[in-house]
Protein backbone atom coordinates (compact mmCIF):
# COMPACT_ATOMS: atom_id res chain seq x y z
CA UNK A 1 89.68 69.10 93.75
CA UNK A 2 86.17 70.43 93.47
CA UNK A 3 86.58 73.18 95.91
CA UNK A 4 89.71 74.60 93.44
CA UNK A 5 87.61 74.36 90.50
CA UNK A 6 85.04 76.19 92.15
CA UNK A 7 86.99 79.30 93.26
CA UNK A 8 88.52 79.70 89.54
CA UNK A 9 85.33 80.71 88.22
CA UNK A 10 84.94 83.39 90.96
CA UNK A 11 88.01 85.21 90.77
CA UNK A 12 87.63 85.77 87.14
CA UNK A 13 84.20 86.91 87.88
CA UNK A 14 85.75 89.34 89.69
CA UNK A 15 88.36 90.62 87.55
CA UNK A 16 85.38 90.65 84.85
CA UNK A 17 83.67 92.69 87.44
CA UNK A 18 86.32 95.16 87.96
CA UNK A 19 86.75 95.57 84.39
CA UNK A 20 82.98 95.91 83.41
CA UNK A 21 83.19 98.89 86.11
CA UNK A 22 86.68 100.36 84.59
CA UNK A 23 84.42 100.50 81.38
CA UNK A 24 81.54 102.16 82.43
CA UNK A 25 83.65 104.99 84.67
CA UNK A 26 85.51 105.64 81.32
CA UNK A 27 82.09 105.59 79.42
CA UNK A 28 80.94 108.43 81.98
CA UNK A 29 84.34 110.39 81.82
CA UNK A 30 84.03 110.65 77.51
CA UNK A 31 80.10 111.13 77.74
CA UNK A 32 80.58 114.19 80.20
CA UNK A 33 83.74 115.81 78.31
CA UNK A 34 80.98 116.11 75.29
CA UNK A 35 78.24 117.41 77.51
CA UNK A 36 80.78 120.00 78.93
CA UNK A 37 81.79 120.94 75.75
CA UNK A 38 78.54 121.83 74.31
CA UNK A 39 76.67 123.11 77.10
CA UNK A 40 79.19 124.09 79.81
CA UNK A 41 79.26 123.01 83.36
CA UNK A 42 76.38 124.59 84.73
CA UNK A 43 73.93 123.73 82.13
CA UNK A 44 74.95 120.38 81.79
CA UNK A 45 73.24 117.41 84.40
CA UNK A 46 73.74 114.61 85.59
CA UNK A 47 70.57 112.65 84.48
CA UNK A 48 71.59 113.56 80.75
CA UNK A 49 74.99 112.03 81.26
CA UNK A 50 73.84 108.89 82.96
CA UNK A 51 70.77 108.59 80.25
CA UNK A 52 73.37 108.72 77.58
CA UNK A 53 75.84 106.44 79.19
CA UNK A 54 72.56 103.86 79.38
CA UNK A 55 72.74 104.06 83.25
CA UNK A 56 71.00 105.66 85.97
CA UNK A 57 71.78 108.81 87.80
CA UNK A 58 72.52 106.41 90.61
CA UNK A 59 74.63 104.47 88.78
CA UNK A 60 76.66 107.65 87.49
CA UNK A 61 76.61 108.66 91.38
CA UNK A 62 78.27 104.99 92.40
CA UNK A 63 81.08 106.24 90.20
CA UNK A 64 81.36 109.74 91.05
CA UNK A 65 80.12 111.69 94.17
CA UNK A 66 78.56 114.54 92.31
CA UNK A 67 78.81 116.61 89.42
CA UNK A 68 81.47 118.71 91.18
CA UNK A 69 83.87 115.55 91.17
CA UNK A 70 82.72 114.31 87.59
CA UNK A 71 84.06 117.82 86.58
CA UNK A 72 87.32 117.67 88.10
CA UNK A 73 87.82 113.74 87.48
CA UNK A 74 87.35 114.81 83.77
CA UNK A 75 89.95 117.78 84.17
CA UNK A 76 92.47 115.53 85.92
CA UNK A 77 92.38 112.52 83.44
CA UNK A 78 92.59 115.18 80.70
CA UNK A 79 95.68 116.35 81.92
CA UNK A 80 97.29 113.56 83.16
CA UNK A 81 97.51 112.69 79.18
CA UNK A 82 99.14 116.27 78.25
CA UNK A 83 101.80 115.34 81.13
CA UNK A 84 102.45 112.09 80.00
CA UNK A 85 103.00 113.11 76.58
CA UNK A 86 104.87 116.23 77.33
CA UNK A 87 106.73 115.31 80.57
CA UNK A 88 107.18 111.74 80.49
CA UNK A 89 110.87 112.28 79.30
CA UNK A 90 113.21 115.18 80.13
CA UNK A 91 113.43 117.04 76.56
CA UNK A 92 117.30 117.96 75.54
CA UNK A 93 116.14 121.45 74.61
CA UNK A 94 113.94 123.71 74.41
CA UNK A 95 113.83 123.60 71.00
CA UNK A 96 112.71 119.41 71.17
CA UNK A 97 109.74 120.35 73.65
CA UNK A 98 108.35 122.55 71.39
CA UNK A 99 108.68 119.67 68.69
CA UNK A 100 106.52 117.39 71.27
CA UNK A 101 104.32 120.51 72.24
CA UNK A 102 103.23 120.46 68.57
CA UNK A 103 102.62 117.05 68.40
CA UNK A 104 100.42 117.25 71.40
CA UNK A 105 98.31 119.86 69.66
CA UNK A 106 98.57 117.60 66.71
CA UNK A 107 96.78 114.65 68.61
CA UNK A 108 94.24 116.96 70.36
CA UNK A 109 92.94 117.82 66.92
CA UNK A 110 91.41 114.34 66.93
CA UNK A 111 89.82 114.98 70.20
CA UNK A 112 88.02 117.98 69.74
CA UNK A 113 85.50 117.21 72.08
CA UNK A 114 88.40 117.61 74.77
CA UNK A 115 89.23 121.13 73.00
CA UNK A 116 85.76 122.51 73.08
CA UNK A 117 85.35 121.35 76.49
CA UNK A 118 88.38 122.90 77.56
CA UNK A 119 87.93 126.33 75.96
CA UNK A 120 84.05 126.07 77.37
CA UNK A 121 85.31 125.93 81.03
CA UNK A 122 87.91 128.10 81.16
CA UNK A 123 85.78 130.58 79.97
CA UNK A 124 82.95 130.12 82.93
CA UNK A 125 85.70 129.99 85.70
CA UNK A 126 86.52 133.13 85.29
CA UNK A 127 83.96 133.55 87.96
CA UNK A 128 85.44 132.38 91.62
CA UNK A 129 82.62 130.28 92.51
CA UNK A 130 82.54 128.05 89.50
CA UNK A 131 84.12 124.16 91.03
CA UNK A 132 86.65 124.68 88.28
CA UNK A 133 88.41 127.98 89.28
CA UNK A 134 90.54 127.09 91.64
CA UNK A 135 91.65 124.22 89.46
CA UNK A 136 92.24 126.58 85.95
CA UNK A 137 94.05 129.34 88.37
CA UNK A 138 96.40 126.45 89.45
CA UNK A 139 96.97 125.00 86.16
CA UNK A 140 97.68 128.08 84.32
CA UNK A 141 99.93 129.19 86.98
CA UNK A 142 101.81 125.73 86.98
CA UNK A 143 102.00 125.63 83.09
CA UNK A 144 103.59 129.37 83.15
CA UNK A 145 105.85 127.93 85.55
CA UNK A 146 107.02 124.90 84.35
CA UNK A 147 107.86 126.80 80.64
CA UNK A 148 109.49 129.14 82.19
CA UNK A 149 111.79 126.72 84.05
CA UNK A 150 112.56 125.38 80.43
CA UNK A 151 113.35 128.66 78.92
CA UNK A 152 115.74 129.57 81.92
CA UNK A 153 117.34 126.25 81.81
CA UNK A 154 117.84 126.71 77.88
CA UNK A 155 119.30 130.13 78.41
CA UNK A 156 121.54 128.76 80.93
CA UNK A 157 122.80 125.99 78.40
CA UNK A 158 123.32 128.28 76.10
CA UNK A 159 120.82 127.15 73.53
CA UNK A 160 118.56 130.79 74.18
CA UNK A 161 120.08 134.17 74.06
CA UNK A 162 121.02 135.74 77.85
CA UNK A 163 118.89 138.74 77.74
CA UNK A 164 115.79 136.23 77.04
CA UNK A 165 112.38 137.68 78.73
CA UNK A 166 111.26 133.99 79.87
CA UNK A 167 108.72 135.09 81.32
CA UNK A 168 107.24 137.26 78.48
CA UNK A 169 107.89 134.90 76.10
CA UNK A 170 105.77 131.96 78.29
CA UNK A 171 102.93 134.36 78.70
CA UNK A 172 103.01 135.09 74.84
CA UNK A 173 103.57 131.19 74.41
CA UNK A 174 100.26 130.76 76.29
CA UNK A 175 98.21 133.47 74.90
CA UNK A 176 98.76 132.34 71.33
CA UNK A 177 98.24 128.78 71.37
CA UNK A 178 95.01 129.47 73.39
CA UNK A 179 93.83 132.12 71.27
CA UNK A 180 94.65 129.63 68.09
CA UNK A 181 92.96 126.79 69.71
CA UNK A 182 89.70 128.91 70.25
CA UNK A 183 89.45 129.73 66.74
CA UNK A 184 89.93 126.03 65.63
CA UNK A 185 87.26 124.84 68.24
CA UNK A 186 84.69 127.34 66.59
CA UNK A 187 85.70 126.21 63.17
CA UNK A 188 88.06 123.18 62.68
CA UNK A 189 88.19 124.05 58.63
CA UNK A 190 89.40 127.70 59.03
CA UNK A 191 93.30 126.49 59.80
CA UNK A 192 95.75 123.94 60.19
CA UNK A 193 96.05 124.37 64.13
CA UNK A 194 99.22 122.26 64.69
CA UNK A 195 100.83 123.82 61.81
CA UNK A 196 99.80 127.37 62.74
CA UNK A 197 100.81 126.72 66.13
CA UNK A 198 104.26 125.51 65.11
CA UNK A 199 104.97 128.45 62.47
CA UNK A 200 104.69 130.75 65.48
CA UNK A 201 106.59 128.63 67.72
CA UNK A 202 109.68 128.72 65.34
CA UNK A 203 109.58 132.14 64.57
CA UNK A 204 109.17 132.97 68.48
CA UNK A 205 112.30 130.41 68.94
CA UNK A 206 114.40 131.89 66.35
CA UNK A 207 114.25 135.76 67.69
CA UNK A 208 114.94 134.09 71.70
CA UNK A 209 117.82 131.43 69.83
CA UNK A 210 121.54 132.36 70.93
CA UNK A 211 123.82 133.18 67.89
CA UNK A 212 125.38 130.22 65.99
CA UNK A 213 129.42 130.98 66.53
């Protein structure tokens, strides 16, 4: 009995240790979002990020091998959130997908640090030697491909006009959303971003929707 009594606290301590480690890792990620959004990747430092987390740089490197590893982990976490919101369930139609997209934009207005970080890093990553260059290149290609596939499916189902330029619509769709996001990030009081994006997407949808019989 004495041996069993001793083992229980050790297991609990182990679980508690994992929880503390997970919480610390998440704090590092959240702090990195703020730093990358404020100073970009190149001007941010692991030392400042660690200091703002209340740990040493060595402690930070226990969780992330390098600043590049931290950057890519931040981006992966953000994208996973968006994928789960947008693609966890197959949309019933392209119109329903657009509604989900506007809901995600509404949610992003409550995560301004993520929006600022995204805008800053996209601009920086235009340089081929930036550590996020390949990530953003592949991300835009993937988002564009997924949007085109949804549009083509909507054409096949009869929801959209058969002459819809799916690639052109998808490219305009991304360009307008990113442009409005940049304006909002510079001055959130300048617009209701979800409403503005939603109004544009509804106009675009009206133009390509198949006529009702």
